[in-house]
């Protein structure tokens, strides 16, 4: 089941166990995964290792939140698909993620790895369908 075969994915989370769990799950689905442990590392990896097909980021991280990092990237013209994950109980977060556009999905922790794979697959399929339309 290589749903994400060849996809370049950046995973950012300050929790080492969750970072590895999410990265390992995406690798099992065929993705090439780069890791970041802080918002600062997330921005650095976007700049030095990008472009990525997908970014999976936690919101609450040291230095800069995942949402802030993605907003900064979008402001700089980097518009990769993104999965925003958090355990924070803030009713405003889904709307903030939705404001990032159609290439953004919100996952509340804890979530199943099947749910993660389905969200990643949906985002990548949607982007490749749009890219295909541009080539016509």
C-alpha atoms as a PDB file:
ATOM      1  CA  UNK A   1       0.000   0.000   0.000  1.00  0.00           C
ATOM      2  CA  UNK A   2       2.242   2.786  -1.339  1.00  0.00           C
ATOM      3  CA  UNK A   3      -0.384   5.565  -1.435  1.00  0.00           C
ATOM      4  CA  UNK A   4       2.234   8.306  -1.132  1.00  0.00           C
ATOM      5  CA  UNK A   5       4.923   6.775  -3.355  1.00  0.00           C
ATOM      6  CA  UNK A   6       7.554   9.362  -4.190  1.00  0.00           C
ATOM      7  CA  UNK A   7       5.906  12.207  -2.272  1.00  0.00           C
ATOM      8  CA  UNK A   8       8.306  14.537  -0.422  1.00  0.00           C
ATOM      9  CA  UNK A   9       6.850  15.244   3.016  1.00  0.00           C
ATOM     10  CA  UNK A  10       8.082  17.539   5.799  1.00  0.00           C
ATOM     11  CA  UNK A  11       6.880  16.511   9.278  1.00  0.00           C
ATOM     12  CA  UNK A  12       7.212  18.965  12.184  1.00  0.00           C
ATOM     13  CA  UNK A  13       6.438  18.239  15.838  1.00  0.00           C
ATOM     14  CA  UNK A  14       8.286  19.029  19.067  1.00  0.00           C
ATOM     15  CA  UNK A  15       7.184  15.720  20.625  1.00  0.00           C
ATOM     16  CA  UNK A  16       9.915  13.244  19.525  1.00  0.00           C
ATOM     17  CA  UNK A  17       7.657  10.179  19.850  1.00  0.00           C
ATOM     18  CA  UNK A  18       4.857  11.706  17.808  1.00  0.00           C
ATOM     19  CA  UNK A  19       7.327  13.063  15.241  1.00  0.00           C
ATOM     20  CA  UNK A  20       8.744   9.574  14.719  1.00  0.00           C
ATOM     21  CA  UNK A  21       5.308   7.888  14.703  1.00  0.00           C
ATOM     22  CA  UNK A  22       3.949  10.244  12.041  1.00  0.00           C
ATOM     23  CA  UNK A  23       7.179  10.079  10.000  1.00  0.00           C
ATOM     24  CA  UNK A  24       7.260   6.261  10.180  1.00  0.00           C
ATOM     25  CA  UNK A  25       3.608   5.987   9.130  1.00  0.00           C
ATOM     26  CA  UNK A  26       4.210   8.229   6.110  1.00  0.00           C
ATOM     27  CA  UNK A  27       7.368   6.301   5.174  1.00  0.00           C
ATOM     28  CA  UNK A  28       5.340   3.044   5.275  1.00  0.00           C
ATOM     29  CA  UNK A  29       2.939   4.693   2.820  1.00  0.00           C
ATOM     30  CA  UNK A  30       5.864   5.383   0.471  1.00  0.00           C
ATOM     31  CA  UNK A  31       6.741   8.997   1.289  1.00  0.00           C
ATOM     32  CA  UNK A  32      10.231  10.465   1.478  1.00  0.00           C
ATOM     33  CA  UNK A  33      10.169  12.216   4.885  1.00  0.00           C
ATOM     34  CA  UNK A  34      12.224  15.113   6.291  1.00  0.00           C
ATOM     35  CA  UNK A  35      11.763  15.975  10.008  1.00  0.00           C
ATOM     36  CA  UNK A  36      11.689  19.262  11.939  1.00  0.00           C
ATOM     37  CA  UNK A  37      11.427  19.652  15.732  1.00  0.00           C
ATOM     38  CA  UNK A  38      10.589  23.362  16.015  1.00  0.00           C
ATOM     39  CA  UNK A  39       8.846  26.067  14.036  1.00  0.00           C
ATOM     40  CA  UNK A  40      12.263  27.495  13.236  1.00  0.00           C
ATOM     41  CA  UNK A  41      13.436  24.134  11.822  1.00  0.00           C
ATOM     42  CA  UNK A  42      10.201  23.915   9.838  1.00  0.00           C
ATOM     43  CA  UNK A  43      10.893  27.255   8.138  1.00  0.00           C
ATOM     44  CA  UNK A  44      14.572  26.346   7.593  1.00  0.00           C
ATOM     45  CA  UNK A  45      13.663  22.998   6.001  1.00  0.00           C
ATOM     46  CA  UNK A  46      11.068  24.645   3.738  1.00  0.00           C
ATOM     47  CA  UNK A  47      13.759  27.049   2.544  1.00  0.00           C
ATOM     48  CA  UNK A  48      16.680  24.622   2.249  1.00  0.00           C
ATOM     49  CA  UNK A  49      15.046  21.286   1.367  1.00  0.00           C
ATOM     50  CA  UNK A  50      11.851  22.345  -0.443  1.00  0.00           C
ATOM     51  CA  UNK A  51       9.724  22.170  -2.378  1.00  0.00           C
ATOM     52  CA  UNK A  52       7.685  19.563  -0.551  1.00  0.00           C
ATOM     53  CA  UNK A  53       4.518  17.881  -1.771  1.00  0.00           C
ATOM     54  CA  UNK A  54       3.071  17.981   1.738  1.00  0.00           C
ATOM     55  CA  UNK A  55       3.830  19.464   5.152  1.00  0.00           C
ATOM     56  CA  UNK A  56       2.444  17.829   8.311  1.00  0.00           C
ATOM     57  CA  UNK A  57       2.880  20.104  11.319  1.00  0.00           C
ATOM     58  CA  UNK A  58       1.856  20.407  14.926  1.00  0.00           C
ATOM     59  CA  UNK A  59       0.573  23.808  16.019  1.00  0.00           C
ATOM     60  CA  UNK A  60       2.232  24.094  19.433  1.00  0.00           C
ATOM     61  CA  UNK A  61       6.016  24.133  18.976  1.00  0.00           C
ATOM     62  CA  UNK A  62       8.891  26.161  20.415  1.00  0.00           C
ATOM     63  CA  UNK A  63       9.889  29.445  18.769  1.00  0.00           C
ATOM     64  CA  UNK A  64       7.092  29.564  16.176  1.00  0.00           C
ATOM     65  CA  UNK A  65       3.815  27.661  15.928  1.00  0.00           C
ATOM     66  CA  UNK A  66       3.121  25.425  12.955  1.00  0.00           C
ATOM     67  CA  UNK A  67       0.307  27.757  11.869  1.00  0.00           C
ATOM     68  CA  UNK A  68       2.585  30.786  12.013  1.00  0.00           C
ATOM     69  CA  UNK A  69       5.259  28.947  10.019  1.00  0.00           C
ATOM     70  CA  UNK A  70       2.770  27.929   7.320  1.00  0.00           C
ATOM     71  CA  UNK A  71       1.384  31.492   7.128  1.00  0.00           C
ATOM     72  CA  UNK A  72       4.960  32.769   6.724  1.00  0.00           C
ATOM     73  CA  UNK A  73       5.612  30.222   3.962  1.00  0.00           C
ATOM     74  CA  UNK A  74       2.387  31.154   2.153  1.00  0.00           C
ATOM     75  CA  UNK A  75       3.342  34.848   2.409  1.00  0.00           C
ATOM     76  CA  UNK A  76       6.656  33.970   0.748  1.00  0.00           C
ATOM     77  CA  UNK A  77       4.808  32.235  -2.099  1.00  0.00           C
ATOM     78  CA  UNK A  78       5.344  28.640  -0.914  1.00  0.00           C
ATOM     79  CA  UNK A  79       1.963  26.963  -1.262  1.00  0.00           C
ATOM     80  CA  UNK A  80       2.435  23.283  -0.461  1.00  0.00           C
ATOM     81  CA  UNK A  81      -0.401  21.117   0.828  1.00  0.00           C
ATOM     82  CA  UNK A  82      -0.500  21.040   4.623  1.00  0.00           C
ATOM     83  CA  UNK A  83      -1.961  18.940   7.419  1.00  0.00           C
ATOM     84  CA  UNK A  84      -2.195  20.887  10.677  1.00  0.00           C
ATOM     85  CA  UNK A  85      -2.436  18.689  13.776  1.00  0.00           C
ATOM     86  CA  UNK A  86      -2.973  19.607  17.411  1.00  0.00           C
ATOM     87  CA  UNK A  87      -4.356  18.441  20.727  1.00  0.00           C
ATOM     88  CA  UNK A  88      -5.197  22.043  21.677  1.00  0.00           C
ATOM     89  CA  UNK A  89      -8.847  22.613  22.543  1.00  0.00           C
ATOM     90  CA  UNK A  90      -9.300  25.919  20.711  1.00  0.00           C
ATOM     91  CA  UNK A  91     -12.529  26.308  18.744  1.00  0.00           C
ATOM     92  CA  UNK A  92     -10.879  28.864  16.455  1.00  0.00           C
ATOM     93  CA  UNK A  93      -8.245  26.489  15.083  1.00  0.00           C
ATOM     94  CA  UNK A  94     -10.385  24.723  12.421  1.00  0.00           C
ATOM     95  CA  UNK A  95     -11.333  28.121  10.954  1.00  0.00           C
ATOM     96  CA  UNK A  96      -7.665  29.208  10.964  1.00  0.00           C
ATOM     97  CA  UNK A  97      -6.728  26.047   9.077  1.00  0.00           C
ATOM     98  CA  UNK A  98      -9.625  26.474   6.664  1.00  0.00           C
ATOM     99  CA  UNK A  99      -8.408  30.039   5.965  1.00  0.00           C
ATOM    100  CA  UNK A 100      -5.203  28.520   4.561  1.00  0.00           C
ATOM    101  CA  UNK A 101      -7.256  27.342   1.572  1.00  0.00           C
ATOM    102  CA  UNK A 102      -8.284  24.066  -0.048  1.00  0.00           C
ATOM    103  CA  UNK A 103      -4.816  22.535   0.349  1.00  0.00           C
ATOM    104  CA  UNK A 104      -5.046  22.496   4.161  1.00  0.00           C
ATOM    105  CA  UNK A 105      -6.556  19.831   6.427  1.00  0.00           C
ATOM    106  CA  UNK A 106      -7.000  19.859  10.205  1.00  0.00           C
ATOM    107  CA  UNK A 107      -6.445  16.728  12.322  1.00  0.00           C
ATOM    108  CA  UNK A 108      -7.165  16.727  16.049  1.00  0.00           C
ATOM    109  CA  UNK A 109      -4.811  14.603  18.158  1.00  0.00           C
ATOM    110  CA  UNK A 110      -5.083  11.786  18.876  1.00  0.00           C
ATOM    111  CA  UNK A 111      -5.825  10.543  15.373  1.00  0.00           C
ATOM    112  CA  UNK A 112      -5.365   7.184  13.730  1.00  0.00           C
ATOM    113  CA  UNK A 113      -2.578   6.609  11.246  1.00  0.00           C
ATOM    114  CA  UNK A 114      -5.247   5.505   8.744  1.00  0.00           C
ATOM    115  CA  UNK A 115      -6.845   8.950   9.135  1.00  0.00           C
ATOM    116  CA  UNK A 116      -3.444  10.580   8.545  1.00  0.00           C
ATOM    117  CA  UNK A 117      -2.841   8.494   5.418  1.00  0.00           C
ATOM    118  CA  UNK A 118      -6.305   9.280   4.054  1.00  0.00           C
ATOM    119  CA  UNK A 119      -5.860  13.037   4.617  1.00  0.00           C
ATOM    120  CA  UNK A 120      -2.404  13.016   2.993  1.00  0.00           C
ATOM    121  CA  UNK A 121      -3.656  10.991   0.053  1.00  0.00           C
ATOM    122  CA  UNK A 122      -6.663  13.276  -0.471  1.00  0.00           C
ATOM    123  CA  UNK A 123      -4.515  16.412  -0.460  1.00  0.00           C
ATOM    124  CA  UNK A 124      -1.927  14.982  -2.863  1.00  0.00           C
ATOM    125  CA  UNK A 125      -4.600  13.600  -5.211  1.00  0.00           C
ATOM    126  CA  UNK A 126      -6.352  16.984  -5.265  1.00  0.00           C
ATOM    127  CA  UNK A 127      -3.102  18.810  -6.059  1.00  0.00           C
ATOM    128  CA  UNK A 128      -2.091  16.381  -8.796  1.00  0.00           C
ATOM    129  CA  UNK A 129      -5.563  16.634 -10.370  1.00  0.00           C
ATOM    130  CA  UNK A 130      -5.217  20.437 -10.455  1.00  0.00           C
ATOM    131  CA  UNK A 131      -1.691  20.168 -11.878  1.00  0.00           C
ATOM    132  CA  UNK A 132      -3.036  17.843 -14.566  1.00  0.00           C
ATOM    133  CA  UNK A 133      -5.689  20.397 -15.511  1.00  0.00           C
ATOM    134  CA  UNK A 134      -3.002  23.071 -15.928  1.00  0.00           C
ATOM    135  CA  UNK A 135      -1.053  20.839 -18.353  1.00  0.00           C
ATOM    136  CA  UNK A 136      -3.995  20.468 -20.751  1.00  0.00           C
END
